[in-house]
Protein backbone atom coordinates (compact mmCIF):
# COMPACT_ATOMS: atom_id res chain seq x y z
CA MET A 1 0.05 -0.03 -0.10
CA SER A 2 2.74 2.31 0.58
CA LEU A 3 4.46 1.63 -2.81
CA ASN A 4 1.18 2.56 -4.45
CA PHE A 5 1.09 5.71 -2.35
CA PHE A 6 4.65 6.45 -3.40
CA PHE A 7 3.73 5.94 -7.25
CA LYS A 8 0.59 8.26 -6.88
CA ARG A 9 2.81 11.11 -5.43
CA ILE A 10 5.42 10.56 -8.14
CA PHE A 11 2.88 10.82 -11.00
CA LYS A 12 1.23 13.68 -9.34
CA PHE A 13 4.47 15.59 -9.22
CA LEU A 14 5.62 14.81 -12.85
CA GLY A 15 1.87 15.71 -13.97
CA ILE A 16 2.42 19.26 -12.34
CA SER A 17 5.75 19.59 -13.39
CA LEU A 18 5.04 18.98 -17.23
CA ILE A 19 1.62 20.53 -17.45
CA LEU A 20 2.49 23.65 -15.55
CA PRO A 21 5.02 25.04 -17.99
CA LEU A 22 2.65 24.17 -20.92
CA ILE A 23 -0.05 25.95 -19.34
CA ILE A 24 2.31 29.13 -18.70
CA PHE A 25 3.44 28.83 -22.53
CA GLU A 26 -0.15 28.68 -23.91
CA ILE A 27 -1.09 31.75 -21.61
CA ASN A 28 2.24 33.71 -22.91
CA LYS A 29 1.38 32.95 -26.42
CA LEU A 30 -2.12 34.06 -25.95
CA ASN A 31 -1.15 37.34 -24.47
CA ASN A 32 1.34 37.82 -27.49
CA GLN A 33 -1.33 37.53 -29.80
CA ILE A 34 -3.51 39.87 -28.03
CA LYS A 35 -0.99 42.46 -27.99
CA ALA A 36 -0.12 41.89 -31.69
CA GLU A 37 -3.99 42.15 -32.78
CA LYS A 38 -4.40 45.26 -30.72
CA LYS A 39 -4.59 48.18 -33.11
CA LEU A 40 -3.83 51.71 -31.89
CA LEU A 41 -6.51 54.25 -32.89
CA ALA A 42 -5.40 57.79 -33.62
CA ALA A 43 -6.52 60.40 -30.94
CA SER A 44 -9.90 62.05 -31.53
CA GLU A 45 -10.75 65.47 -30.63
CA LYS A 46 -12.60 63.96 -27.88
CA ASP A 47 -9.53 62.04 -26.65
CA LEU A 48 -7.13 65.40 -26.70
CA PHE A 49 -9.88 67.30 -24.92
CA LEU A 50 -10.15 64.89 -22.15
CA TYR A 51 -6.31 64.54 -21.85
CA ARG A 52 -5.96 68.22 -21.94
CA GLN A 53 -8.52 68.83 -19.38
CA MET A 54 -7.12 66.06 -17.11
CA GLY A 55 -3.73 68.10 -17.57
CA ALA A 56 -5.16 71.47 -16.58
CA SER A 57 -7.02 69.96 -13.57
CA TYR A 58 -3.74 68.62 -12.16
CA LEU A 59 -1.81 71.61 -12.85
CA CYS A 60 -4.47 73.83 -11.19
CA ILE A 61 -4.72 71.48 -8.14
CA ALA A 62 -0.78 71.37 -7.78
CA SER A 63 -0.70 75.07 -7.88
CA LYS A 64 -3.13 75.30 -5.22
CA ALA A 65 -0.97 72.78 -3.22
CA GLU A 66 2.06 74.92 -3.58
CA VAL A 67 3.76 72.88 -6.06
CA ASP A 68 6.07 75.16 -8.59
CA PHE A 69 4.10 75.80 -11.41
CA THR A 70 6.83 74.93 -13.83
CA LYS A 71 7.17 71.38 -12.28
CA GLY A 72 3.42 70.98 -12.26
CA LEU A 73 3.15 71.87 -15.78
CA GLY A 74 6.09 69.74 -17.04
CA ILE A 75 4.69 66.72 -15.35
CA ALA A 76 1.02 67.40 -16.75
CA SER A 77 2.73 67.84 -20.27
CA ALA A 78 4.77 64.79 -20.16
CA THR A 79 1.63 62.85 -19.02
CA PHE A 80 -0.21 64.20 -21.71
CA ALA A 81 2.63 62.82 -24.26
CA ASN A 82 2.95 59.54 -22.56
CA VAL A 83 -0.75 58.92 -22.79
CA ILE A 84 -1.23 59.75 -26.46
CA ILE A 85 2.12 57.86 -27.07
CA GLY A 86 0.92 54.73 -25.27
CA LYS A 87 -2.58 54.71 -26.02
CA HIS A 88 -2.56 56.02 -29.47
CA GLY A 89 1.05 55.52 -30.99
CA GLY A 90 1.55 59.32 -31.09
CA ALA A 91 -1.02 59.74 -33.71
CA ILE A 92 -3.81 62.39 -33.95
CA LYS A 93 -6.63 61.99 -36.12
CA GLU A 94 -6.46 65.47 -37.39
CA LEU A 95 -3.02 65.09 -38.58
CA GLY A 96 -3.82 62.01 -40.88
CA ASP A 97 -1.09 59.42 -40.68
CA GLU A 98 1.59 61.41 -39.39
CA LYS A 99 2.77 60.34 -36.00
CA LEU A 100 4.19 62.91 -33.36
CA ASP A 101 7.16 62.10 -31.37
CA GLU A 102 7.26 62.90 -27.39
CA LYS A 103 8.91 66.24 -27.66
CA LYS A 104 6.42 67.52 -30.14
CA LEU A 105 3.45 66.14 -28.09
CA TYR A 106 4.94 67.49 -24.96
CA ASN A 107 5.49 71.03 -26.50
CA ALA A 108 1.80 70.99 -27.97
CA GLY A 109 0.37 69.39 -24.47
CA THR A 110 2.11 72.46 -22.55
CA PHE A 111 0.74 75.08 -24.87
CA GLN A 112 -2.96 73.32 -24.64
CA ILE A 113 -2.81 72.62 -20.89
CA VAL A 114 -1.82 76.37 -20.14
CA GLY A 115 -4.86 77.40 -22.28
CA SER A 116 -7.22 75.14 -20.69
CA ALA A 117 -5.75 76.15 -17.02
CA LEU A 118 -6.46 79.84 -18.01
CA ASN A 119 -10.06 78.97 -18.04
CA ILE A 120 -10.19 76.63 -15.08
CA CYS A 121 -7.99 78.58 -12.64
CA PRO A 122 -6.46 81.90 -14.30
CA GLU A 123 -5.49 82.86 -10.57
CA SER A 124 -2.85 79.91 -10.42
CA VAL A 125 -1.31 80.87 -13.75
CA PRO A 126 1.76 83.08 -13.37
CA ASN A 127 1.67 86.58 -15.26
CA ASN A 128 4.58 85.57 -17.31
CA ILE A 129 3.26 82.46 -18.55
CA LYS A 130 -0.16 84.04 -19.34
CA LYS A 131 1.59 86.76 -21.54
CA ASP A 132 3.67 84.08 -23.27
CA TYR A 133 0.58 82.04 -23.97
CA GLU A 134 -1.35 85.20 -25.22
CA LYS A 135 1.56 86.11 -27.53
CA ARG A 136 1.68 82.77 -29.02
CA VAL A 137 -1.79 82.42 -29.69
CA LYS A 138 -1.60 85.91 -31.48
CA GLU A 139 1.25 84.60 -33.83
CA LEU A 140 -0.73 81.52 -34.46
CA LEU A 141 -3.85 83.57 -35.43
CA LYS A 142 -1.52 85.83 -37.75
CA LYS A 143 -0.05 82.66 -39.31
CA ASN A 144 -3.48 81.24 -39.84
CA LYS A 145 -4.79 84.20 -41.88
CA LYS A 146 -1.94 84.40 -44.15
């Protein structure tokens, strides 16, 4: 009887040690297929609005918590860029097939987040940032009129 018990334990051990790697291999293979099949969609205007508003909200809260404005803006802009790269592959629907790199998205995010923050919490935006933003808006308007 003890010999039968011994064989059952060996078979159980061998079964687990052979089956477990196969299960892990199958799960890993399935995850790779899911990732490969996942198609990234370009960020829509609705997506950009959400990311911009989240960045501005963060910036307003951080400013009220006495976090340095430029540090808060840097974090909000980096998050804006990272989300667009991670979720949309750096593509924006309005730009067609062009994919923006992290630096361009960071700069665009900075500009857009400041604009939104001026609407949400204008008292938290330093005067020099407001002036730079207004100057840039005027330049863009002149450029678009040409």
